[in-house]
Amino acid sequence: MKTTILIGAIVLAIFASQQRDDYVDRLVDLAGTPYAQLNCSAYICAAKRHAPCSALSMYWGCDGALEIVAEYADHTLIDQNLLQPGDVAAIKGIHVVAYVGGGVWMDSDVKHGGVNPINLWMEPMDDPWFSGRVRILRWKQSSQPRLAEFAAEHTPSLFSSSAPAQKFDELLARLYLRMTS
């Protein structure tokens, strides 16, 4: 019962959010993409249709395209009330994850099978990808996506024709399995 309520809350939070945009839909739509095709930072940049930035570059603002919203000593301290769909958590400059809403984060990680949903707050503190200082970053409103053609040319096969809502149902199922196993 508790899991059903959690899943319902996630669905409502994500689809009811007025802050959802094409970028967040693309974050969801890329689920299942292998890590070899898109690493963590390439995944976020492809969804944003932004020129490539490494995780380290994102940690420092991706050449001015991202602004620091908050900083935390570790990922377990992140205040969910501060987050907006599309925010990026940059962990020590070695890994980045994207917030899609409703407590759900997505990243591209070999251990997660490529691009998949995660519960960032539950990631182990001893995992080097998730341990250490975290910056919450937000794409600047005035920042126009740079080199949209780059993403269009290099990732056309990554965007499926299925509706993001269908893709999100698959994500919820994966997240449920991960949480209950």
C-alpha atoms as a PDB file:
ATOM      1  CA  MET A   1       0.000   0.000   0.000  1.00  0.00           C
ATOM      2  CA  LYS A   2       2.794   2.416   0.938  1.00  0.00           C
ATOM      3  CA  THR A   3       4.527   1.749  -2.388  1.00  0.00           C
ATOM      4  CA  THR A   4       1.311   2.385  -4.334  1.00  0.00           C
ATOM      5  CA  ILE A   5       0.891   5.712  -2.569  1.00  0.00           C
ATOM      6  CA  LEU A   6       4.530   6.614  -3.300  1.00  0.00           C
ATOM      7  CA  ILE A   7       4.147   5.797  -6.997  1.00  0.00           C
ATOM      8  CA  GLY A   8       0.879   7.746  -7.178  1.00  0.00           C
ATOM      9  CA  ALA A   9       2.527  10.752  -5.537  1.00  0.00           C
ATOM     10  CA  ILE A  10       5.424  10.615  -7.998  1.00  0.00           C
ATOM     11  CA  VAL A  11       3.071  10.481 -10.978  1.00  0.00           C
ATOM     12  CA  LEU A  12       0.991  13.389  -9.677  1.00  0.00           C
ATOM     13  CA  ALA A  13       4.011  15.489  -8.811  1.00  0.00           C
ATOM     14  CA  ILE A  14       5.622  15.033 -12.184  1.00  0.00           C
ATOM     15  CA  PHE A  15       2.637  15.392 -14.452  1.00  0.00           C
ATOM     16  CA  ALA A  16       0.949  18.127 -12.401  1.00  0.00           C
ATOM     17  CA  SER A  17       4.075  20.261 -12.299  1.00  0.00           C
ATOM     18  CA  GLN A  18       3.751  23.399 -14.367  1.00  0.00           C
ATOM     19  CA  GLN A  19       7.535  23.595 -14.465  1.00  0.00           C
ATOM     20  CA  ARG A  20       7.752  20.520 -16.670  1.00  0.00           C
ATOM     21  CA  ASP A  21       9.047  21.300 -20.113  1.00  0.00           C
ATOM     22  CA  ASP A  22      10.477  19.603 -23.167  1.00  0.00           C
ATOM     23  CA  TYR A  23      13.867  19.260 -21.454  1.00  0.00           C
ATOM     24  CA  VAL A  24      12.378  17.242 -18.596  1.00  0.00           C
ATOM     25  CA  ASP A  25      10.343  15.166 -21.055  1.00  0.00           C
ATOM     26  CA  ARG A  26      13.546  14.382 -22.950  1.00  0.00           C
ATOM     27  CA  LEU A  27      15.291  13.408 -19.690  1.00  0.00           C
ATOM     28  CA  VAL A  28      12.528  10.837 -19.163  1.00  0.00           C
ATOM     29  CA  ASP A  29      12.401   9.773 -22.811  1.00  0.00           C
ATOM     30  CA  LEU A  30      16.098   8.865 -22.818  1.00  0.00           C
ATOM     31  CA  ALA A  31      15.571   6.184 -20.150  1.00  0.00           C
ATOM     32  CA  GLY A  32      17.129   2.893 -21.146  1.00  0.00           C
ATOM     33  CA  THR A  33      19.918   4.464 -23.209  1.00  0.00           C
ATOM     34  CA  PRO A  34      23.145   2.533 -22.550  1.00  0.00           C
ATOM     35  CA  TYR A  35      25.957   4.277 -20.666  1.00  0.00           C
ATOM     36  CA  ALA A  36      28.256   3.644 -23.626  1.00  0.00           C
ATOM     37  CA  GLN A  37      26.023   5.931 -25.716  1.00  0.00           C
ATOM     38  CA  LEU A  38      25.496   8.654 -23.103  1.00  0.00           C
ATOM     39  CA  ASN A  39      27.513   9.105 -19.927  1.00  0.00           C
ATOM     40  CA  CYS A  40      26.039  11.144 -17.070  1.00  0.00           C
ATOM     41  CA  SER A  41      26.892  14.618 -18.358  1.00  0.00           C
ATOM     42  CA  ALA A  42      26.278  13.796 -22.033  1.00  0.00           C
ATOM     43  CA  TYR A  43      22.821  12.515 -21.073  1.00  0.00           C
ATOM     44  CA  ILE A  44      21.851  15.797 -19.408  1.00  0.00           C
ATOM     45  CA  CYS A  45      23.347  17.925 -22.187  1.00  0.00           C
ATOM     46  CA  ALA A  46      21.585  15.855 -24.872  1.00  0.00           C
ATOM     47  CA  ALA A  47      18.245  16.275 -23.106  1.00  0.00           C
ATOM     48  CA  LYS A  48      18.846  20.029 -22.736  1.00  0.00           C
ATOM     49  CA  ARG A  49      20.128  20.190 -26.331  1.00  0.00           C
ATOM     50  CA  HIS A  50      23.179  21.963 -25.016  1.00  0.00           C
ATOM     51  CA  ALA A  51      26.768  21.670 -26.156  1.00  0.00           C
ATOM     52  CA  PRO A  52      28.631  18.958 -24.245  1.00  0.00           C
ATOM     53  CA  CYS A  53      29.821  19.821 -20.724  1.00  0.00           C
ATOM     54  CA  SER A  54      31.700  17.359 -18.542  1.00  0.00           C
ATOM     55  CA  ALA A  55      30.552  16.614 -14.991  1.00  0.00           C
ATOM     56  CA  LEU A  56      33.401  18.811 -13.756  1.00  0.00           C
ATOM     57  CA  SER A  57      32.355  21.650 -16.063  1.00  0.00           C
ATOM     58  CA  MET A  58      28.765  21.332 -14.826  1.00  0.00           C
ATOM     59  CA  TYR A  59      29.985  21.483 -11.224  1.00  0.00           C
ATOM     60  CA  TRP A  60      31.484  24.889 -12.075  1.00  0.00           C
ATOM     61  CA  GLY A  61      28.431  26.123 -14.018  1.00  0.00           C
ATOM     62  CA  CYS A  62      28.901  24.787 -17.561  1.00  0.00           C
ATOM     63  CA  ASP A  63      30.430  28.004 -18.908  1.00  0.00           C
ATOM     64  CA  GLY A  64      27.775  30.172 -17.238  1.00  0.00           C
ATOM     65  CA  ALA A  65      24.733  28.183 -18.404  1.00  0.00           C
ATOM     66  CA  LEU A  66      24.001  26.789 -14.912  1.00  0.00           C
ATOM     67  CA  GLU A  67      23.645  28.704 -11.675  1.00  0.00           C
ATOM     68  CA  ILE A  68      24.323  27.292  -8.222  1.00  0.00           C
ATOM     69  CA  VAL A  69      21.091  27.086  -6.232  1.00  0.00           C
ATOM     70  CA  ALA A  70      22.464  25.306  -3.146  1.00  0.00           C
ATOM     71  CA  GLU A  71      25.418  23.320  -1.814  1.00  0.00           C
ATOM     72  CA  TYR A  72      25.410  20.391   0.572  1.00  0.00           C
ATOM     73  CA  ALA A  73      28.081  18.353   2.324  1.00  0.00           C
ATOM     74  CA  ASP A  74      26.526  15.184   0.866  1.00  0.00           C
ATOM     75  CA  HIS A  75      23.529  14.011  -1.166  1.00  0.00           C
ATOM     76  CA  THR A  76      21.486  12.852   1.849  1.00  0.00           C
ATOM     77  CA  LEU A  77      21.098  16.493   2.954  1.00  0.00           C
ATOM     78  CA  ILE A  78      19.473  17.796  -0.246  1.00  0.00           C
ATOM     79  CA  ASP A  79      16.250  19.689   0.514  1.00  0.00           C
ATOM     80  CA  GLN A  80      13.597  18.339  -1.852  1.00  0.00           C
ATOM     81  CA  ASN A  81      11.449  21.448  -1.291  1.00  0.00           C
ATOM     82  CA  LEU A  82      14.093  23.546  -3.042  1.00  0.00           C
ATOM     83  CA  LEU A  83      14.194  21.390  -6.172  1.00  0.00           C
ATOM     84  CA  GLN A  84      12.560  22.055  -9.519  1.00  0.00           C
ATOM     85  CA  PRO A  85      12.216  19.519 -12.340  1.00  0.00           C
ATOM     86  CA  GLY A  86      15.311  19.814 -14.520  1.00  0.00           C
ATOM     87  CA  ASP A  87      17.702  20.736 -11.697  1.00  0.00           C
ATOM     88  CA  VAL A  88      21.112  19.077 -11.780  1.00  0.00           C
ATOM     89  CA  ALA A  89      22.999  17.662  -8.798  1.00  0.00           C
ATOM     90  CA  ALA A  90      26.743  17.767  -9.430  1.00  0.00           C
ATOM     91  CA  ILE A  91      28.639  15.526  -7.031  1.00  0.00           C
ATOM     92  CA  LYS A  92      32.287  16.553  -6.506  1.00  0.00           C
ATOM     93  CA  GLY A  93      32.535  17.300 -10.199  1.00  0.00           C
ATOM     94  CA  ILE A  94      32.723  13.585 -11.048  1.00  0.00           C
ATOM     95  CA  HIS A  95      29.041  12.689 -11.476  1.00  0.00           C
ATOM     96  CA  VAL A  96      25.796  14.499 -12.323  1.00  0.00           C
ATOM     97  CA  VAL A  97      22.158  13.496 -11.959  1.00  0.00           C
ATOM     98  CA  ALA A  98      18.973  15.248 -13.116  1.00  0.00           C
ATOM     99  CA  TYR A  99      15.854  15.800 -11.022  1.00  0.00           C
ATOM    100  CA  VAL A 100      12.633  15.023 -12.919  1.00  0.00           C
ATOM    101  CA  GLY A 101      10.206  15.733 -10.072  1.00  0.00           C
ATOM    102  CA  GLY A 102       8.294  13.867  -7.403  1.00  0.00           C
ATOM    103  CA  GLY A 103      11.450  12.730  -5.631  1.00  0.00           C
ATOM    104  CA  VAL A 104      12.732  10.972  -8.760  1.00  0.00           C
ATOM    105  CA  TRP A 105      16.235  11.583 -10.115  1.00  0.00           C
ATOM    106  CA  MET A 106      17.726  10.144 -13.288  1.00  0.00           C
ATOM    107  CA  ASP A 107      21.312   9.480 -14.194  1.00  0.00           C
ATOM    108  CA  SER A 108      23.439   7.491 -16.552  1.00  0.00           C
ATOM    109  CA  ASP A 109      25.602   5.055 -14.640  1.00  0.00           C
ATOM    110  CA  VAL A 110      27.000   1.653 -15.542  1.00  0.00           C
ATOM    111  CA  LYS A 111      25.659   0.218 -12.249  1.00  0.00           C
ATOM    112  CA  HIS A 112      22.157   1.504 -13.041  1.00  0.00           C
ATOM    113  CA  GLY A 113      22.179   0.017 -16.536  1.00  0.00           C
ATOM    114  CA  GLY A 114      22.717   3.331 -18.325  1.00  0.00           C
ATOM    115  CA  VAL A 115      20.043   6.032 -18.135  1.00  0.00           C
ATOM    116  CA  ASN A 116      17.558   5.097 -15.428  1.00  0.00           C
ATOM    117  CA  PRO A 117      15.631   6.558 -12.485  1.00  0.00           C
ATOM    118  CA  ILE A 118      17.191   6.548  -9.041  1.00  0.00           C
ATOM    119  CA  ASN A 119      16.359   7.677  -5.541  1.00  0.00           C
ATOM    120  CA  LEU A 120      19.381   9.866  -4.911  1.00  0.00           C
ATOM    121  CA  TRP A 121      18.748  10.024  -1.183  1.00  0.00           C
ATOM    122  CA  MET A 122      19.098   6.210  -0.996  1.00  0.00           C
ATOM    123  CA  GLU A 123      22.412   5.923  -2.860  1.00  0.00           C
ATOM    124  CA  PRO A 124      25.138   4.555  -0.549  1.00  0.00           C
ATOM    125  CA  MET A 125      27.551   7.042   1.003  1.00  0.00           C
ATOM    126  CA  ASP A 126      30.504   4.750   0.262  1.00  0.00           C
ATOM    127  CA  ASP A 127      29.848   4.819  -3.504  1.00  0.00           C
ATOM    128  CA  PRO A 128      32.485   7.175  -4.975  1.00  0.00           C
ATOM    129  CA  TRP A 129      30.008   8.429  -7.607  1.00  0.00           C
ATOM    130  CA  PHE A 130      27.660   9.659  -4.873  1.00  0.00           C
ATOM    131  CA  SER A 131      29.910  10.594  -1.955  1.00  0.00           C
ATOM    132  CA  GLY A 132      31.069  14.109  -1.256  1.00  0.00           C
ATOM    133  CA  ARG A 133      30.050  17.710  -1.763  1.00  0.00           C
ATOM    134  CA  VAL A 134      26.966  18.306  -3.925  1.00  0.00           C
ATOM    135  CA  ARG A 135      25.912  21.395  -5.818  1.00  0.00           C
ATOM    136  CA  ILE A 136      22.345  21.831  -6.979  1.00  0.00           C
ATOM    137  CA  LEU A 137      22.409  23.695 -10.274  1.00  0.00           C
ATOM    138  CA  ARG A 138      19.651  25.169 -12.387  1.00  0.00           C
ATOM    139  CA  TRP A 139      19.760  26.101 -16.052  1.00  0.00           C
ATOM    140  CA  LYS A 140      19.619  29.879 -16.375  1.00  0.00           C
ATOM    141  CA  GLN A 141      16.400  31.194 -17.909  1.00  0.00           C
ATOM    142  CA  SER A 142      18.263  33.519 -20.233  1.00  0.00           C
ATOM    143  CA  SER A 143      20.539  30.721 -21.350  1.00  0.00           C
ATOM    144  CA  GLN A 144      19.515  29.569 -24.787  1.00  0.00           C
ATOM    145  CA  PRO A 145      20.481  25.991 -25.582  1.00  0.00           C
ATOM    146  CA  ARG A 146      23.771  26.142 -27.422  1.00  0.00           C
ATOM    147  CA  LEU A 147      24.390  23.947 -30.412  1.00  0.00           C
ATOM    148  CA  ALA A 148      20.940  22.360 -30.500  1.00  0.00           C
ATOM    149  CA  GLU A 149      22.049  20.864 -33.791  1.00  0.00           C
ATOM    150  CA  PHE A 150      24.730  18.895 -31.926  1.00  0.00           C
ATOM    151  CA  ALA A 151      22.113  16.967 -29.980  1.00  0.00           C
ATOM    152  CA  ALA A 152      19.856  16.588 -33.000  1.00  0.00           C
ATOM    153  CA  GLU A 153      22.708  15.228 -35.145  1.00  0.00           C
ATOM    154  CA  HIS A 154      24.261  12.965 -32.521  1.00  0.00           C
ATOM    155  CA  THR A 155      21.235  11.591 -30.669  1.00  0.00           C
ATOM    156  CA  PRO A 156      18.319  11.180 -33.117  1.00  0.00           C
ATOM    157  CA  SER A 157      18.005   7.455 -32.463  1.00  0.00           C
ATOM    158  CA  LEU A 158      17.922   8.040 -28.712  1.00  0.00           C
ATOM    159  CA  PHE A 159      14.569   9.816 -28.760  1.00  0.00           C
ATOM    160  CA  SER A 160      11.873   7.248 -29.255  1.00  0.00           C
ATOM    161  CA  SER A 161       8.531   7.941 -30.839  1.00  0.00           C
ATOM    162  CA  SER A 162       6.762   6.716 -27.708  1.00  0.00           C
ATOM    163  CA  ALA A 163       5.112   9.358 -25.594  1.00  0.00           C
ATOM    164  CA  PRO A 164       7.076  10.470 -22.525  1.00  0.00           C
ATOM    165  CA  ALA A 165       4.145   9.326 -20.362  1.00  0.00           C
ATOM    166  CA  GLN A 166       4.578   5.739 -21.588  1.00  0.00           C
ATOM    167  CA  LYS A 167       8.305   5.945 -20.959  1.00  0.00           C
ATOM    168  CA  PHE A 168       7.610   7.296 -17.494  1.00  0.00           C
ATOM    169  CA  ASP A 169       5.402   4.286 -16.697  1.00  0.00           C
ATOM    170  CA  GLU A 170       8.395   2.077 -17.479  1.00  0.00           C
ATOM    171  CA  LEU A 171      10.587   4.237 -15.231  1.00  0.00           C
ATOM    172  CA  LEU A 172       8.154   3.909 -12.350  1.00  0.00           C
ATOM    173  CA  ALA A 173       8.145   0.139 -12.749  1.00  0.00           C
ATOM    174  CA  ARG A 174      11.971   0.055 -12.670  1.00  0.00           C
ATOM    175  CA  LEU A 175      12.108   2.346  -9.658  1.00  0.00           C
ATOM    176  CA  TYR A 176       9.521   0.195  -7.855  1.00  0.00           C
ATOM    177  CA  LEU A 177      11.537  -2.956  -8.529  1.00  0.00           C
ATOM    178  CA  ARG A 178      14.728  -1.283  -7.301  1.00  0.00           C
ATOM    179  CA  MET A 179      13.020  -0.041  -4.109  1.00  0.00           C
ATOM    180  CA  THR A 180      11.403  -3.388  -3.294  1.00  0.00           C
ATOM    181  CA  SER A 181      14.353  -5.668  -4.036  1.00  0.00           C
END
